[in-house]
Structures are given as C-alpha cells and as structure tokens.
Amino acid sequence: MPTPGRGRRHRYTVRPDSNYCRLIVGATGLGRFIACAPYSLVSGLSAGFGVFTIAIQLLPALGAPPTGGRSSAIALNLRAAAASVNPDAVAVAAVSFAVCLLWRGRLNGILAAPVVSLVAGAAAGMALFRDAPVFGAVAGWPELAIPFFAMGDAAAIVEAAIILALINSLDTLLTAVVIDSATGERPGPAGD
C-alpha cells in the first residue's frame, strides 16, 4: 500500500492513472462488456452511494464534526450527535436542502442547484445562524503537489487506479441508465 506520509502525492498520481485506465477501456471497446453487469449490481451500487452520501452528511448537519467518511465512525458518533444537536447547524442544513429541492426549471439551467444550495447555506450560516460550527478553515490556496511515487509503490498505485476507474465507470453507467430511462433512448454500451 502507498506510504501514509505521501498520501496526497499518491492521490494525485492515482487519479490521473484511473482516467488513463478508463481511456484504455474506451479505446479498446471493452466498455461493451458492461452489459454483462446485472441490473441488481448497478442498482445496489447506486443505492449504496446514495446511503453513504447521506450518512457522511448527517453528523455535520447535526453540528457534530465529520468523521472522515468511515461508516463505523459515523454509526458510533451518530447517537452522541443526536443527543447534542446544534439547532443552528440543523437550520443551515435545512436551508441548503430546501434550496437544492426548490431550485428547479430554468433557474437550474443557469446555475446548478447544488452550487446555489452551497452558497445559500454558507450565507445563512454567516448571517443568521452564527452558532453553527465551521469545520475546517480556508487558509488560502493549497500547496502544489507534483504526482510522485517510488517504484516499490507502483503495484499499489496501479491497483488503486484500476479500482477507482471501475468505480467511476459504474458511476457513469448509473448516470447513463438514469438519463436513458428519463429520455426513453438507449444508445448502447458504446454510446454510454
């Protein structure tokens, strides 16, 4: 596995490598084999992404610090967070969620609902709900990190890149399935 001390540099190496894997799959036509994936797998993955996305937002919405995305830590800290709810944090979360739901139609074509929701929640937190906790300060631009890895880490980086490419490909497939069902079109695996 990549050395923990070089985590950010490894992430900056794995991400482009996963995109190269996806380009190779697309160029070689291997994408057509995604039709072999059972619908239950695609549906289950989609549900899992949704549940995990909601779960990682629950603690900050209640006013508790985020746990870094570990499911076990979220589950363990949820009871404590529910016992000590911060009303201002809940209000900021409610404003953001309401704006995201209500920002529809032509407005969403001009500016995406999640962006407006983020700005509205931040503005509400700064102007109205000042007791809502702030997690992580913005201290300026991040330091430039050039992708780097030692040859001993090559196998772990390639493995992580392939896994990330597969997950991103399945996520893209899920989006294509939703769009296909909404439009009634079916371009096929090569079109997706």
N, C-alpha and C. Protein backbone atom coordinates (compact mmCIF):
# COMPACT_ATOMS: atom_id res chain seq x y z
N MET A 1 0.84 -1.19 0.00
CA MET A 1 0.00 0.00 0.00
C MET A 1 0.88 1.24 0.00
N PRO A 2 0.35 2.37 -0.53
CA PRO A 2 1.13 3.60 -0.53
C PRO A 2 1.47 4.04 0.90
N THR A 3 2.61 4.65 1.05
CA THR A 3 3.06 5.11 2.34
C THR A 3 2.16 6.24 2.83
N PRO A 4 1.65 6.17 4.09
CA PRO A 4 0.75 7.21 4.58
C PRO A 4 1.35 8.61 4.52
N GLY A 5 2.65 8.75 4.70
CA GLY A 5 3.27 10.06 4.68
C GLY A 5 3.21 10.73 3.32
N ARG A 6 2.99 9.97 2.27
CA ARG A 6 2.92 10.52 0.92
C ARG A 6 1.50 10.46 0.37
N GLY A 7 0.51 10.47 1.24
CA GLY A 7 -0.88 10.27 0.84
C GLY A 7 -1.36 11.20 -0.26
N ARG A 8 -1.12 12.51 -0.11
CA ARG A 8 -1.63 13.46 -1.09
C ARG A 8 -0.95 13.26 -2.44
N ARG A 9 0.34 13.06 -2.45
CA ARG A 9 1.05 12.84 -3.71
C ARG A 9 0.57 11.56 -4.39
N HIS A 10 0.27 10.55 -3.61
CA HIS A 10 -0.23 9.30 -4.19
C HIS A 10 -1.62 9.50 -4.77
N ARG A 11 -2.45 10.28 -4.08
CA ARG A 11 -3.79 10.56 -4.61
C ARG A 11 -3.68 11.31 -5.94
N TYR A 12 -2.75 12.24 -6.02
CA TYR A 12 -2.58 12.99 -7.26
C TYR A 12 -1.98 12.13 -8.37
N THR A 13 -1.41 11.01 -8.02
CA THR A 13 -0.89 10.06 -9.01
C THR A 13 -1.97 9.07 -9.41
N VAL A 14 -2.75 8.59 -8.45
CA VAL A 14 -3.77 7.57 -8.72
C VAL A 14 -4.90 8.13 -9.58
N ARG A 15 -5.33 9.34 -9.32
CA ARG A 15 -6.48 9.90 -10.04
C ARG A 15 -6.23 9.98 -11.55
N PRO A 16 -5.14 10.58 -12.02
CA PRO A 16 -4.90 10.58 -13.47
C PRO A 16 -4.72 9.17 -14.02
N ASP A 17 -4.08 8.29 -13.25
CA ASP A 17 -3.89 6.92 -13.71
C ASP A 17 -5.22 6.21 -13.91
N SER A 18 -6.19 6.49 -13.03
CA SER A 18 -7.50 5.87 -13.20
C SER A 18 -8.18 6.39 -14.47
N ASN A 19 -7.96 7.64 -14.79
CA ASN A 19 -8.52 8.18 -16.04
C ASN A 19 -7.85 7.55 -17.25
N TYR A 20 -6.55 7.27 -17.16
CA TYR A 20 -5.87 6.57 -18.26
C TYR A 20 -6.47 5.18 -18.44
N CYS A 21 -6.77 4.50 -17.33
CA CYS A 21 -7.40 3.17 -17.42
C CYS A 21 -8.74 3.27 -18.14
N ARG A 22 -9.52 4.29 -17.82
CA ARG A 22 -10.83 4.45 -18.46
C ARG A 22 -10.66 4.76 -19.95
N LEU A 23 -9.65 5.53 -20.30
CA LEU A 23 -9.41 5.83 -21.72
C LEU A 23 -9.02 4.56 -22.47
N ILE A 24 -8.20 3.73 -21.84
CA ILE A 24 -7.79 2.46 -22.48
C ILE A 24 -9.01 1.56 -22.69
N VAL A 25 -9.87 1.47 -21.68
CA VAL A 25 -11.08 0.65 -21.81
C VAL A 25 -11.96 1.18 -22.93
N GLY A 26 -12.10 2.49 -23.01
CA GLY A 26 -12.91 3.08 -24.08
C GLY A 26 -12.31 2.89 -25.46
N ALA A 27 -11.01 3.06 -25.57
CA ALA A 27 -10.35 2.94 -26.87
C ALA A 27 -10.34 1.50 -27.39
N THR A 28 -10.27 0.54 -26.47
CA THR A 28 -10.23 -0.86 -26.89
C THR A 28 -11.61 -1.47 -27.07
N GLY A 29 -12.66 -0.73 -26.70
CA GLY A 29 -14.01 -1.25 -26.87
C GLY A 29 -14.43 -2.22 -25.78
N LEU A 30 -13.71 -2.27 -24.70
CA LEU A 30 -14.07 -3.19 -23.61
C LEU A 30 -15.32 -2.74 -22.87
N GLY A 31 -15.76 -1.51 -23.10
CA GLY A 31 -16.96 -1.00 -22.44
C GLY A 31 -18.21 -1.78 -22.77
N ARG A 32 -18.21 -2.48 -23.90
CA ARG A 32 -19.41 -3.24 -24.28
C ARG A 32 -19.69 -4.38 -23.30
N PHE A 33 -18.68 -4.80 -22.54
CA PHE A 33 -18.89 -5.89 -21.59
C PHE A 33 -19.63 -5.44 -20.34
N ILE A 34 -19.86 -4.14 -20.20
CA ILE A 34 -20.62 -3.66 -19.05
C ILE A 34 -22.05 -4.16 -19.13
N ALA A 35 -22.50 -4.52 -20.33
CA ALA A 35 -23.85 -5.07 -20.47
C ALA A 35 -23.98 -6.39 -19.71
N CYS A 36 -22.87 -7.02 -19.36
CA CYS A 36 -22.89 -8.27 -18.60
C CYS A 36 -23.15 -8.03 -17.12
N ALA A 37 -23.03 -6.77 -16.67
CA ALA A 37 -23.26 -6.47 -15.25
C ALA A 37 -24.75 -6.57 -14.96
N PRO A 38 -25.14 -7.36 -13.98
CA PRO A 38 -26.56 -7.49 -13.67
C PRO A 38 -27.14 -6.18 -13.14
N TYR A 39 -28.42 -5.97 -13.44
CA TYR A 39 -29.07 -4.74 -13.01
C TYR A 39 -29.06 -4.62 -11.50
N SER A 40 -29.16 -5.75 -10.79
CA SER A 40 -29.15 -5.70 -9.32
C SER A 40 -27.83 -5.14 -8.79
N LEU A 41 -26.72 -5.42 -9.48
CA LEU A 41 -25.43 -4.87 -9.08
C LEU A 41 -25.42 -3.36 -9.27
N VAL A 42 -25.87 -2.92 -10.43
CA VAL A 42 -25.89 -1.49 -10.72
C VAL A 42 -26.83 -0.76 -9.77
N SER A 43 -28.00 -1.33 -9.53
CA SER A 43 -28.98 -0.73 -8.64
C SER A 43 -28.46 -0.70 -7.21
N GLY A 44 -27.86 -1.79 -6.76
CA GLY A 44 -27.32 -1.85 -5.41
C GLY A 44 -26.18 -0.87 -5.20
N LEU A 45 -25.32 -0.72 -6.19
CA LEU A 45 -24.23 0.24 -6.10
C LEU A 45 -24.77 1.65 -6.00
N SER A 46 -25.78 1.94 -6.79
CA SER A 46 -26.40 3.26 -6.76
C SER A 46 -27.01 3.54 -5.39
N ALA A 47 -27.73 2.57 -4.85
CA ALA A 47 -28.32 2.74 -3.52
C ALA A 47 -27.24 2.91 -2.47
N GLY A 48 -26.16 2.14 -2.58
CA GLY A 48 -25.06 2.25 -1.63
C GLY A 48 -24.41 3.62 -1.67
N PHE A 49 -24.18 4.16 -2.87
CA PHE A 49 -23.63 5.51 -2.99
C PHE A 49 -24.55 6.52 -2.33
N GLY A 50 -25.84 6.39 -2.57
CA GLY A 50 -26.81 7.33 -2.01
C GLY A 50 -26.83 7.28 -0.49
N VAL A 51 -26.89 6.09 0.07
CA VAL A 51 -26.92 5.95 1.52
C VAL A 51 -25.63 6.48 2.14
N PHE A 52 -24.50 6.17 1.54
CA PHE A 52 -23.23 6.64 2.08
C PHE A 52 -23.12 8.16 1.99
N THR A 53 -23.57 8.73 0.88
CA THR A 53 -23.52 10.19 0.72
C THR A 53 -24.37 10.88 1.78
N ILE A 54 -25.56 10.34 2.04
CA ILE A 54 -26.42 10.92 3.08
C ILE A 54 -25.78 10.72 4.45
N ALA A 55 -25.24 9.54 4.70
CA ALA A 55 -24.67 9.24 6.01
C ALA A 55 -23.51 10.16 6.37
N ILE A 56 -22.64 10.47 5.40
CA ILE A 56 -21.49 11.33 5.74
C ILE A 56 -21.91 12.78 5.97
N GLN A 57 -23.14 13.13 5.57
CA GLN A 57 -23.63 14.48 5.80
C GLN A 57 -24.41 14.62 7.11
N LEU A 58 -24.81 13.50 7.71
CA LEU A 58 -25.65 13.56 8.90
C LEU A 58 -24.96 14.22 10.09
N LEU A 59 -23.74 13.82 10.40
CA LEU A 59 -23.05 14.38 11.56
C LEU A 59 -22.87 15.90 11.45
N PRO A 60 -22.32 16.42 10.34
CA PRO A 60 -22.22 17.88 10.24
C PRO A 60 -23.58 18.58 10.26
N ALA A 61 -24.62 17.94 9.72
CA ALA A 61 -25.95 18.55 9.74
C ALA A 61 -26.50 18.66 11.15
N LEU A 62 -26.05 17.79 12.04
CA LEU A 62 -26.47 17.85 13.44
C LEU A 62 -25.55 18.72 14.29
N GLY A 63 -24.44 19.16 13.71
CA GLY A 63 -23.50 20.01 14.43
C GLY A 63 -22.30 19.29 14.98
N ALA A 64 -22.15 18.01 14.68
CA ALA A 64 -21.00 17.23 15.15
C ALA A 64 -19.90 17.27 14.09
N PRO A 65 -18.65 17.14 14.48
CA PRO A 65 -17.57 17.15 13.48
C PRO A 65 -17.63 15.93 12.57
N PRO A 66 -17.24 16.08 11.32
CA PRO A 66 -17.24 14.93 10.40
C PRO A 66 -16.21 13.89 10.84
N THR A 67 -16.44 12.65 10.42
CA THR A 67 -15.58 11.56 10.87
C THR A 67 -14.58 11.12 9.83
N GLY A 68 -14.55 11.73 8.68
CA GLY A 68 -13.62 11.32 7.64
C GLY A 68 -14.19 10.26 6.72
N GLY A 69 -15.47 9.98 6.80
CA GLY A 69 -16.11 9.08 5.85
C GLY A 69 -16.11 7.62 6.22
N ARG A 70 -15.68 7.25 7.40
CA ARG A 70 -15.71 5.84 7.80
C ARG A 70 -17.10 5.50 8.33
N SER A 71 -17.71 4.46 7.77
CA SER A 71 -19.08 4.08 8.13
C SER A 71 -19.20 3.74 9.60
N SER A 72 -18.23 3.01 10.14
CA SER A 72 -18.29 2.61 11.55
C SER A 72 -18.22 3.83 12.45
N ALA A 73 -17.39 4.81 12.11
CA ALA A 73 -17.27 6.01 12.93
C ALA A 73 -18.55 6.84 12.87
N ILE A 74 -19.19 6.88 11.71
CA ILE A 74 -20.45 7.60 11.58
C ILE A 74 -21.50 6.95 12.48
N ALA A 75 -21.60 5.63 12.41
CA ALA A 75 -22.59 4.92 13.22
C ALA A 75 -22.34 5.11 14.71
N LEU A 76 -21.08 5.05 15.14
CA LEU A 76 -20.77 5.21 16.55
C LEU A 76 -21.03 6.63 17.06
N ASN A 77 -20.77 7.62 16.22
CA ASN A 77 -20.92 9.01 16.65
C ASN A 77 -22.33 9.57 16.44
N LEU A 78 -23.17 8.87 15.71
CA LEU A 78 -24.50 9.39 15.40
C LEU A 78 -25.35 9.52 16.67
N ARG A 79 -25.27 8.54 17.56
CA ARG A 79 -26.07 8.60 18.80
C ARG A 79 -25.66 9.81 19.64
N ALA A 80 -24.35 10.03 19.78
CA ALA A 80 -23.88 11.18 20.57
C ALA A 80 -24.27 12.49 19.90
N ALA A 81 -24.21 12.52 18.57
CA ALA A 81 -24.58 13.74 17.85
C ALA A 81 -26.07 14.02 18.00
N ALA A 82 -26.89 12.98 17.98
CA ALA A 82 -28.34 13.16 18.13
C ALA A 82 -28.69 13.65 19.53
N ALA A 83 -27.87 13.30 20.52
CA ALA A 83 -28.12 13.74 21.90
C ALA A 83 -27.76 15.20 22.11
N SER A 84 -26.85 15.72 21.30
CA SER A 84 -26.42 17.12 21.47
C SER A 84 -26.53 17.87 20.15
N VAL A 85 -27.73 17.98 19.65
CA VAL A 85 -27.98 18.63 18.36
C VAL A 85 -27.74 20.14 18.48
N ASN A 86 -27.08 20.69 17.48
CA ASN A 86 -26.88 22.13 17.38
C ASN A 86 -27.98 22.69 16.48
N PRO A 87 -28.93 23.46 17.03
CA PRO A 87 -30.05 23.94 16.22
C PRO A 87 -29.62 24.80 15.02
N ASP A 88 -28.56 25.58 15.19
CA ASP A 88 -28.10 26.40 14.07
C ASP A 88 -27.55 25.54 12.94
N ALA A 89 -26.86 24.46 13.27
CA ALA A 89 -26.35 23.56 12.23
C ALA A 89 -27.50 22.90 11.49
N VAL A 90 -28.53 22.49 12.22
CA VAL A 90 -29.71 21.89 11.59
C VAL A 90 -30.39 22.91 10.68
N ALA A 91 -30.46 24.18 11.11
CA ALA A 91 -31.08 25.23 10.30
C ALA A 91 -30.30 25.47 9.01
N VAL A 92 -28.97 25.50 9.10
CA VAL A 92 -28.15 25.69 7.90
C VAL A 92 -28.35 24.52 6.94
N ALA A 93 -28.37 23.31 7.48
CA ALA A 93 -28.60 22.12 6.65
C ALA A 93 -29.98 22.18 6.00
N ALA A 94 -30.99 22.62 6.76
CA ALA A 94 -32.35 22.71 6.22
C ALA A 94 -32.45 23.75 5.12
N VAL A 95 -31.79 24.89 5.30
CA VAL A 95 -31.79 25.92 4.25
C VAL A 95 -31.13 25.37 2.99
N SER A 96 -29.98 24.74 3.14
CA SER A 96 -29.28 24.19 1.98
C SER A 96 -30.12 23.14 1.27
N PHE A 97 -30.74 22.25 2.04
CA PHE A 97 -31.56 21.19 1.45
C PHE A 97 -32.79 21.76 0.75
N ALA A 98 -33.44 22.73 1.38
CA ALA A 98 -34.63 23.34 0.78
C ALA A 98 -34.29 24.05 -0.52
N VAL A 99 -33.20 24.79 -0.53
CA VAL A 99 -32.80 25.49 -1.75
C VAL A 99 -32.50 24.49 -2.85
N CYS A 100 -31.82 23.41 -2.51
CA CYS A 100 -31.49 22.39 -3.51
C CYS A 100 -32.75 21.76 -4.10
N LEU A 101 -33.77 21.55 -3.27
CA LEU A 101 -35.03 20.98 -3.76
C LEU A 101 -35.86 21.96 -4.57
N LEU A 102 -35.84 23.22 -4.17
CA LEU A 102 -36.71 24.21 -4.80
C LEU A 102 -36.10 24.89 -6.02
N TRP A 103 -34.82 24.79 -6.21
CA TRP A 103 -34.14 25.44 -7.33
C TRP A 103 -34.31 24.55 -8.56
N ARG A 104 -35.34 24.80 -9.36
CA ARG A 104 -35.68 23.92 -10.47
C ARG A 104 -35.89 24.71 -11.76
N GLY A 105 -36.16 23.97 -12.80
CA GLY A 105 -36.54 24.56 -14.09
C GLY A 105 -35.43 25.35 -14.74
N ARG A 106 -35.82 26.51 -15.26
CA ARG A 106 -34.87 27.35 -16.00
C ARG A 106 -33.74 27.84 -15.11
N LEU A 107 -34.05 28.08 -13.84
CA LEU A 107 -33.00 28.54 -12.92
C LEU A 107 -31.87 27.52 -12.80
N ASN A 108 -32.24 26.25 -12.75
CA ASN A 108 -31.24 25.19 -12.64
C ASN A 108 -30.38 25.11 -13.90
N GLY A 109 -30.93 25.51 -15.04
CA GLY A 109 -30.15 25.56 -16.27
C GLY A 109 -29.13 26.67 -16.27
N ILE A 110 -29.40 27.73 -15.54
CA ILE A 110 -28.48 28.87 -15.46
C ILE A 110 -27.37 28.60 -14.45
N LEU A 111 -27.75 28.11 -13.28
CA LEU A 111 -26.79 27.82 -12.22
C LEU A 111 -27.28 26.57 -11.49
N ALA A 112 -26.41 25.59 -11.35
CA ALA A 112 -26.79 24.30 -10.78
C ALA A 112 -27.27 24.43 -9.33
N ALA A 113 -28.31 23.67 -9.00
CA ALA A 113 -28.91 23.72 -7.67
C ALA A 113 -27.91 23.45 -6.54
N PRO A 114 -26.99 22.47 -6.67
CA PRO A 114 -26.04 22.26 -5.58
C PRO A 114 -25.14 23.46 -5.30
N VAL A 115 -24.79 24.20 -6.35
CA VAL A 115 -23.95 25.39 -6.15
C VAL A 115 -24.73 26.46 -5.41
N VAL A 116 -25.98 26.69 -5.83
CA VAL A 116 -26.82 27.69 -5.17
C VAL A 116 -27.09 27.27 -3.73
N SER A 117 -27.30 25.98 -3.52
CA SER A 117 -27.54 25.45 -2.18
C SER A 117 -26.34 25.68 -1.27
N LEU A 118 -25.15 25.46 -1.79
CA LEU A 118 -23.93 25.68 -1.02
C LEU A 118 -23.78 27.15 -0.64
N VAL A 119 -24.00 28.03 -1.60
CA VAL A 119 -23.87 29.46 -1.33
C VAL A 119 -24.95 29.92 -0.35
N ALA A 120 -26.18 29.46 -0.53
CA ALA A 120 -27.27 29.85 0.37
C ALA A 120 -27.03 29.36 1.78
N GLY A 121 -26.56 28.12 1.92
CA GLY A 121 -26.27 27.59 3.25
C GLY A 121 -25.14 28.35 3.93
N ALA A 122 -24.09 28.66 3.17
CA ALA A 122 -22.97 29.42 3.74
C ALA A 122 -23.42 30.82 4.15
N ALA A 123 -24.22 31.46 3.31
CA ALA A 123 -24.71 32.81 3.63
C ALA A 123 -25.61 32.77 4.86
N ALA A 124 -26.49 31.77 4.93
CA ALA A 124 -27.37 31.65 6.10
C ALA A 124 -26.55 31.41 7.36
N GLY A 125 -25.51 30.59 7.26
CA GLY A 125 -24.66 30.34 8.40
C GLY A 125 -23.91 31.57 8.87
N MET A 126 -23.45 32.38 7.94
CA MET A 126 -22.71 33.59 8.30
C MET A 126 -23.62 34.70 8.81
N ALA A 127 -24.83 34.81 8.24
CA ALA A 127 -25.70 35.93 8.56
C ALA A 127 -26.70 35.62 9.69
N LEU A 128 -27.29 34.44 9.67
CA LEU A 128 -28.40 34.16 10.59
C LEU A 128 -28.06 33.16 11.69
N PHE A 129 -27.36 32.13 11.35
CA PHE A 129 -27.14 31.02 12.28
C PHE A 129 -25.66 30.95 12.66
N ARG A 130 -25.23 31.93 13.43
CA ARG A 130 -23.81 32.09 13.73
C ARG A 130 -23.26 31.04 14.70
N ASP A 131 -24.12 30.29 15.37
CA ASP A 131 -23.63 29.27 16.29
C ASP A 131 -23.41 27.93 15.61
N ALA A 132 -23.65 27.87 14.31
CA ALA A 132 -23.37 26.64 13.56
C ALA A 132 -21.85 26.47 13.49
N PRO A 133 -21.35 25.28 13.77
CA PRO A 133 -19.89 25.09 13.74
C PRO A 133 -19.34 25.15 12.31
N VAL A 134 -18.11 25.57 12.23
CA VAL A 134 -17.40 25.61 10.95
C VAL A 134 -16.33 24.53 11.02
N PHE A 135 -16.35 23.63 10.03
CA PHE A 135 -15.41 22.52 10.01
C PHE A 135 -14.34 22.80 8.97
N GLY A 136 -13.16 23.13 9.43
CA GLY A 136 -12.05 23.39 8.53
C GLY A 136 -12.05 24.81 8.04
N ALA A 137 -10.97 25.50 8.26
CA ALA A 137 -10.85 26.87 7.80
C ALA A 137 -10.17 26.89 6.44
N VAL A 138 -10.56 27.85 5.63
CA VAL A 138 -9.90 28.04 4.34
C VAL A 138 -8.74 28.99 4.60
N ALA A 139 -7.53 28.47 4.44
CA ALA A 139 -6.33 29.24 4.79
C ALA A 139 -5.55 29.67 3.55
N GLY A 140 -6.19 29.78 2.42
CA GLY A 140 -5.50 30.17 1.21
C GLY A 140 -5.43 29.02 0.23
N TRP A 141 -4.63 29.21 -0.79
CA TRP A 141 -4.51 28.20 -1.84
C TRP A 141 -3.68 27.03 -1.35
N PRO A 142 -4.04 25.83 -1.77
CA PRO A 142 -3.24 24.67 -1.35
C PRO A 142 -1.88 24.67 -2.02
N GLU A 143 -0.96 24.00 -1.40
CA GLU A 143 0.39 23.87 -1.93
C GLU A 143 0.38 22.95 -3.15
N LEU A 144 1.14 23.31 -4.15
CA LEU A 144 1.25 22.47 -5.35
C LEU A 144 1.95 21.18 -5.00
N ALA A 145 1.34 20.05 -5.36
CA ALA A 145 1.92 18.74 -5.10
C ALA A 145 2.08 18.00 -6.42
N ILE A 146 3.30 17.78 -6.82
CA ILE A 146 3.59 17.07 -8.05
C ILE A 146 3.38 15.57 -7.81
N PRO A 147 2.66 14.88 -8.70
CA PRO A 147 2.49 13.43 -8.53
C PRO A 147 3.86 12.75 -8.47
N PHE A 148 3.98 11.84 -7.52
CA PHE A 148 5.25 11.16 -7.31
C PHE A 148 4.98 9.82 -6.64
N PHE A 149 5.74 8.82 -7.00
CA PHE A 149 5.70 7.56 -6.28
C PHE A 149 7.02 6.84 -6.45
N ALA A 150 7.32 6.04 -5.47
CA ALA A 150 8.51 5.20 -5.54
C ALA A 150 8.15 3.93 -6.29
N MET A 151 9.11 3.32 -6.95
CA MET A 151 8.83 2.11 -7.72
C MET A 151 8.26 0.99 -6.86
N GLY A 152 8.59 0.98 -5.59
CA GLY A 152 8.04 -0.03 -4.69
C GLY A 152 6.54 0.13 -4.47
N ASP A 153 6.02 1.32 -4.75
CA ASP A 153 4.59 1.59 -4.58
C ASP A 153 3.81 1.43 -5.88
N ALA A 154 4.47 1.09 -6.97
CA ALA A 154 3.81 1.05 -8.28
C ALA A 154 2.64 0.08 -8.30
N ALA A 155 2.79 -1.10 -7.73
CA ALA A 155 1.70 -2.09 -7.76
C ALA A 155 0.48 -1.58 -7.00
N ALA A 156 0.70 -0.97 -5.85
CA ALA A 156 -0.42 -0.44 -5.06
C ALA A 156 -1.10 0.72 -5.79
N ILE A 157 -0.32 1.55 -6.46
CA ILE A 157 -0.91 2.68 -7.18
C ILE A 157 -1.70 2.20 -8.38
N VAL A 158 -1.18 1.23 -9.12
CA VAL A 158 -1.91 0.68 -10.27
C VAL A 158 -3.19 0.00 -9.80
N GLU A 159 -3.11 -0.75 -8.70
CA GLU A 159 -4.31 -1.40 -8.16
C GLU A 159 -5.36 -0.36 -7.78
N ALA A 160 -4.96 0.69 -7.07
CA ALA A 160 -5.89 1.74 -6.67
C ALA A 160 -6.47 2.45 -7.90
N ALA A 161 -5.64 2.67 -8.92
CA ALA A 161 -6.11 3.33 -10.14
C ALA A 161 -7.16 2.48 -10.85
N ILE A 162 -6.95 1.18 -10.93
CA ILE A 162 -7.92 0.29 -11.59
C ILE A 162 -9.23 0.25 -10.80
N ILE A 163 -9.15 0.17 -9.49
CA ILE A 163 -10.37 0.16 -8.66
C ILE A 163 -11.12 1.47 -8.82
N LEU A 164 -10.41 2.58 -8.78
CA LEU A 164 -11.05 3.88 -8.95
C LEU A 164 -11.67 4.01 -10.33
N ALA A 165 -10.99 3.50 -11.36
CA ALA A 165 -11.54 3.54 -12.72
C ALA A 165 -12.82 2.72 -12.80
N LEU A 166 -12.85 1.55 -12.18
CA LEU A 166 -14.06 0.73 -12.19
C LEU A 166 -15.21 1.41 -11.47
N ILE A 167 -14.93 1.99 -10.31
CA ILE A 167 -15.99 2.68 -9.56
C ILE A 167 -16.51 3.87 -10.36
N ASN A 168 -15.61 4.66 -10.95
CA ASN A 168 -16.05 5.80 -11.75
C ASN A 168 -16.83 5.36 -12.98
N SER A 169 -16.42 4.25 -13.59
CA SER A 169 -17.14 3.74 -14.76
C SER A 169 -18.54 3.30 -14.37
N LEU A 170 -18.67 2.62 -13.24
CA LEU A 170 -20.00 2.21 -12.79
C LEU A 170 -20.86 3.43 -12.45
N ASP A 171 -20.25 4.44 -11.85
CA ASP A 171 -20.99 5.67 -11.55
C ASP A 171 -21.47 6.34 -12.83
N THR A 172 -20.62 6.37 -13.85
CA THR A 172 -21.01 6.92 -15.14
C THR A 172 -22.13 6.09 -15.76
N LEU A 173 -22.03 4.78 -15.63
CA LEU A 173 -23.09 3.91 -16.14
C LEU A 173 -24.41 4.19 -15.43
N LEU A 174 -24.37 4.38 -14.12
CA LEU A 174 -25.59 4.68 -13.38
C LEU A 174 -26.23 5.97 -13.89
N THR A 175 -25.41 6.97 -14.11
CA THR A 175 -25.92 8.23 -14.64
C THR A 175 -26.54 8.02 -16.01
N ALA A 176 -25.88 7.23 -16.85
CA ALA A 176 -26.40 6.95 -18.19
C ALA A 176 -27.72 6.19 -18.13
N VAL A 177 -27.84 5.25 -17.20
CA VAL A 177 -29.09 4.49 -17.05
C VAL A 177 -30.23 5.43 -16.65
N VAL A 178 -29.95 6.35 -15.72
CA VAL A 178 -30.98 7.29 -15.30
C VAL A 178 -31.39 8.19 -16.46
N ILE A 179 -30.42 8.69 -17.20
CA ILE A 179 -30.72 9.56 -18.35
C ILE A 179 -31.47 8.79 -19.41
N ASP A 180 -31.05 7.54 -19.69
CA ASP A 180 -31.75 6.71 -20.68
C ASP A 180 -33.20 6.47 -20.28
N SER A 181 -33.44 6.22 -18.99
CA SER A 181 -34.82 5.98 -18.56
C SER A 181 -35.65 7.25 -18.61
N ALA A 182 -35.01 8.41 -18.39
CA ALA A 182 -35.75 9.67 -18.44
C ALA A 182 -36.06 10.10 -19.87
N THR A 183 -35.15 9.82 -20.80
CA THR A 183 -35.35 10.27 -22.19
C THR A 183 -35.97 9.20 -23.07
N GLY A 184 -35.95 7.95 -22.62
CA GLY A 184 -36.50 6.86 -23.42
C GLY A 184 -35.56 6.39 -24.52
N GLU A 185 -34.34 6.87 -24.53
CA GLU A 185 -33.36 6.46 -25.54
C GLU A 185 -32.51 5.33 -24.99
N ARG A 186 -31.90 4.58 -25.89
CA ARG A 186 -30.99 3.51 -25.48
C ARG A 186 -29.85 3.43 -26.49
N PRO A 187 -28.80 4.26 -26.32
CA PRO A 187 -27.71 4.27 -27.31
C PRO A 187 -26.84 3.05 -27.27
N GLY A 188 -26.84 2.27 -26.19
CA GLY A 188 -25.98 1.08 -26.11
C GLY A 188 -24.70 1.37 -25.36
N PRO A 189 -23.93 0.33 -25.04
CA PRO A 189 -22.72 0.49 -24.22
C PRO A 189 -21.69 1.40 -24.85
N ALA A 190 -21.53 1.37 -26.18
CA ALA A 190 -20.54 2.21 -26.82
C ALA A 190 -20.95 3.67 -26.75
N GLY A 191 -22.25 3.96 -26.78
CA GLY A 191 -22.74 5.32 -26.71
C GLY A 191 -22.66 5.87 -25.30
N ASP A 192 -22.81 4.98 -24.33
CA ASP A 192 -22.75 5.43 -22.93
C ASP A 192 -21.31 5.72 -22.56
